[in-house]
Amino acid sequence: MRVAVEILTGTLFYIQVGNDATVADLKKEIEAQQKLPRDRLILFLSNKRRHLTNEEGDGATLVDCGVQDGSHIYLFFGPVDHHDESTDHLVFTWPHSFLEQA
């Protein structure tokens, strides 16, 4: 299946994965194609407005998470883990195009 992935900056790219691919497989492909650290990738499916995972975490299949051929996925970045007791919080806003689909 081919999915569109959009970063907050508005950058849009396409990833091709197998129909039985997992969330982890998708993150690996994003890392390879875009040179982004997969351990920081947070993915949201546009039509579900929820984190792209289930109780299986990154081992869940994309199909089980509601992803289909042609799906649009929004990519956010998690904070860098410095292994400290920081009180910093991650804050982000939805892309305007995501909100227009409401």
C-alpha atoms as a PDB file:
ATOM      1  CA  MET A   1       0.000   0.000   0.000  1.00  0.00           C
ATOM      2  CA  ARG A   2       1.056   3.588  -0.573  1.00  0.00           C
ATOM      3  CA  VAL A   3       0.429   6.193   2.129  1.00  0.00           C
ATOM      4  CA  ALA A   4       0.934   9.954   2.201  1.00  0.00           C
ATOM      5  CA  VAL A   5       2.884  11.280   5.182  1.00  0.00           C
ATOM      6  CA  GLU A   6       2.802  14.960   6.137  1.00  0.00           C
ATOM      7  CA  ILE A   7       5.156  16.673   8.574  1.00  0.00           C
ATOM      8  CA  LEU A   8       4.067  19.772  10.532  1.00  0.00           C
ATOM      9  CA  THR A   9       6.196  21.914   8.232  1.00  0.00           C
ATOM     10  CA  GLY A  10       3.874  20.977   5.379  1.00  0.00           C
ATOM     11  CA  THR A  11       6.348  18.588   3.761  1.00  0.00           C
ATOM     12  CA  LEU A  12       4.424  15.776   2.097  1.00  0.00           C
ATOM     13  CA  PHE A  13       5.980  12.519   0.916  1.00  0.00           C
ATOM     14  CA  TYR A  14       4.807   9.024   0.043  1.00  0.00           C
ATOM     15  CA  ILE A  15       5.829   5.692   1.529  1.00  0.00           C
ATOM     16  CA  GLN A  16       5.234   2.297  -0.043  1.00  0.00           C
ATOM     17  CA  VAL A  17       4.799  -0.627   2.380  1.00  0.00           C
ATOM     18  CA  GLY A  18       3.335  -4.109   2.146  1.00  0.00           C
ATOM     19  CA  ASN A  19      -0.314  -4.743   2.984  1.00  0.00           C
ATOM     20  CA  ASP A  20       0.784  -6.669   6.087  1.00  0.00           C
ATOM     21  CA  ALA A  21       3.197  -3.933   7.281  1.00  0.00           C
ATOM     22  CA  THR A  22       3.301  -2.904  10.916  1.00  0.00           C
ATOM     23  CA  VAL A  23       3.615   0.559  12.446  1.00  0.00           C
ATOM     24  CA  ALA A  24       7.282  -0.325  13.090  1.00  0.00           C
ATOM     25  CA  ASP A  25       7.745  -1.167   9.387  1.00  0.00           C
ATOM     26  CA  LEU A  26       6.296   2.205   8.391  1.00  0.00           C
ATOM     27  CA  LYS A  27       8.588   4.025  10.827  1.00  0.00           C
ATOM     28  CA  LYS A  28      11.589   2.140   9.418  1.00  0.00           C
ATOM     29  CA  GLU A  29      10.655   3.212   5.887  1.00  0.00           C
ATOM     30  CA  ILE A  30      10.209   6.836   6.980  1.00  0.00           C
ATOM     31  CA  GLU A  31      13.591   6.734   8.706  1.00  0.00           C
ATOM     32  CA  ALA A  32      15.288   5.276   5.614  1.00  0.00           C
ATOM     33  CA  GLN A  33      13.660   7.654   3.122  1.00  0.00           C
ATOM     34  CA  GLN A  34      13.622  10.901   5.114  1.00  0.00           C
ATOM     35  CA  LYS A  35      16.567  10.331   7.497  1.00  0.00           C
ATOM     36  CA  LEU A  36      14.365  10.920  10.555  1.00  0.00           C
ATOM     37  CA  PRO A  37      14.953   9.060  13.849  1.00  0.00           C
ATOM     38  CA  ARG A  38      12.206   6.433  14.077  1.00  0.00           C
ATOM     39  CA  ASP A  39      12.295   6.347  17.874  1.00  0.00           C
ATOM     40  CA  ARG A  40      10.934   9.924  17.919  1.00  0.00           C
ATOM     41  CA  LEU A  41       8.188   9.479  15.290  1.00  0.00           C
ATOM     42  CA  ILE A  42       4.595   9.940  16.407  1.00  0.00           C
ATOM     43  CA  LEU A  43       2.043   9.073  13.729  1.00  0.00           C
ATOM     44  CA  PHE A  44      -1.610  10.058  13.499  1.00  0.00           C
ATOM     45  CA  LEU A  45      -4.100   8.798  10.937  1.00  0.00           C
ATOM     46  CA  SER A  46      -5.904  11.812   9.466  1.00  0.00           C
ATOM     47  CA  ASN A  47      -9.437  10.428   9.396  1.00  0.00           C
ATOM     48  CA  LYS A  48      -9.230   8.908  12.894  1.00  0.00           C
ATOM     49  CA  ARG A  49      -7.426  11.758  14.680  1.00  0.00           C
ATOM     50  CA  ARG A  50      -5.750   9.314  16.978  1.00  0.00           C
ATOM     51  CA  HIS A  51      -2.288   7.987  17.557  1.00  0.00           C
ATOM     52  CA  LEU A  52      -1.399   5.311  15.038  1.00  0.00           C
ATOM     53  CA  THR A  53      -1.010   2.391  17.408  1.00  0.00           C
ATOM     54  CA  ASN A  54      -3.078   0.012  19.469  1.00  0.00           C
ATOM     55  CA  GLU A  55      -2.453  -2.269  22.431  1.00  0.00           C
ATOM     56  CA  GLU A  56       0.291  -3.988  20.400  1.00  0.00           C
ATOM     57  CA  GLY A  57       2.236  -0.717  20.057  1.00  0.00           C
ATOM     58  CA  ASP A  58       4.462  -0.477  17.000  1.00  0.00           C
ATOM     59  CA  GLY A  59       3.895  -4.183  16.337  1.00  0.00           C
ATOM     60  CA  ALA A  60       0.304  -3.521  15.307  1.00  0.00           C
ATOM     61  CA  THR A  61      -0.426  -3.887  11.610  1.00  0.00           C
ATOM     62  CA  LEU A  62      -1.301  -0.724   9.741  1.00  0.00           C
ATOM     63  CA  VAL A  63      -4.557  -2.321   8.597  1.00  0.00           C
ATOM     64  CA  ASP A  64      -5.549  -3.011  12.231  1.00  0.00           C
ATOM     65  CA  CYS A  65      -4.927   0.688  12.957  1.00  0.00           C
ATOM     66  CA  GLY A  66      -7.278   1.710  10.142  1.00  0.00           C
ATOM     67  CA  VAL A  67      -4.663   2.529   7.493  1.00  0.00           C
ATOM     68  CA  GLN A  68      -5.592   1.809   3.878  1.00  0.00           C
ATOM     69  CA  ASP A  69      -3.948   2.374   0.534  1.00  0.00           C
ATOM     70  CA  GLY A  70      -3.944   6.137   0.012  1.00  0.00           C
ATOM     71  CA  SER A  71      -4.327   7.028   3.701  1.00  0.00           C
ATOM     72  CA  HIS A  72      -2.944  10.375   4.908  1.00  0.00           C
ATOM     73  CA  ILE A  73      -0.763  10.187   8.011  1.00  0.00           C
ATOM     74  CA  TYR A  74       0.478  13.150  10.033  1.00  0.00           C
ATOM     75  CA  LEU A  75       3.968  12.889  11.484  1.00  0.00           C
ATOM     76  CA  PHE A  76       4.992  14.585  14.721  1.00  0.00           C
ATOM     77  CA  PHE A  77       8.209  14.274  16.700  1.00  0.00           C
ATOM     78  CA  GLY A  78       8.440  13.125  20.289  1.00  0.00           C
ATOM     79  CA  PRO A  79      10.860  14.829  22.654  1.00  0.00           C
ATOM     80  CA  VAL A  80      14.482  13.789  22.767  1.00  0.00           C
ATOM     81  CA  ASP A  81      15.000  11.441  25.693  1.00  0.00           C
ATOM     82  CA  HIS A  82      17.852  12.844  27.774  1.00  0.00           C
ATOM     83  CA  HIS A  83      17.205  10.376  30.624  1.00  0.00           C
ATOM     84  CA  ASP A  84      16.755  13.192  33.113  1.00  0.00           C
ATOM     85  CA  GLU A  85      14.007  14.328  35.430  1.00  0.00           C
ATOM     86  CA  SER A  86      13.060  17.292  33.263  1.00  0.00           C
ATOM     87  CA  THR A  87       9.711  18.948  33.794  1.00  0.00           C
ATOM     88  CA  ASP A  88       9.521  20.060  30.136  1.00  0.00           C
ATOM     89  CA  HIS A  89       6.287  19.266  28.360  1.00  0.00           C
ATOM     90  CA  LEU A  90       5.653  18.476  24.715  1.00  0.00           C
ATOM     91  CA  VAL A  91       3.131  20.816  23.107  1.00  0.00           C
ATOM     92  CA  PHE A  92       2.042  20.791  19.491  1.00  0.00           C
ATOM     93  CA  THR A  93      -0.866  22.023  17.433  1.00  0.00           C
ATOM     94  CA  TRP A  94      -2.695  20.253  14.662  1.00  0.00           C
ATOM     95  CA  PRO A  95      -1.855  21.322  11.098  1.00  0.00           C
ATOM     96  CA  HIS A  96      -4.535  23.570   9.627  1.00  0.00           C
ATOM     97  CA  SER A  97      -5.300  21.010   6.904  1.00  0.00           C
ATOM     98  CA  PHE A  98      -5.992  18.404   9.612  1.00  0.00           C
ATOM     99  CA  LEU A  99      -8.506  20.673  11.363  1.00  0.00           C
ATOM    100  CA  GLU A 100     -10.356  21.453   8.125  1.00  0.00           C
ATOM    101  CA  GLN A 101     -11.388  17.798   7.845  1.00  0.00           C
ATOM    102  CA  ALA A 102     -13.581  18.030  10.960  1.00  0.00           C
END
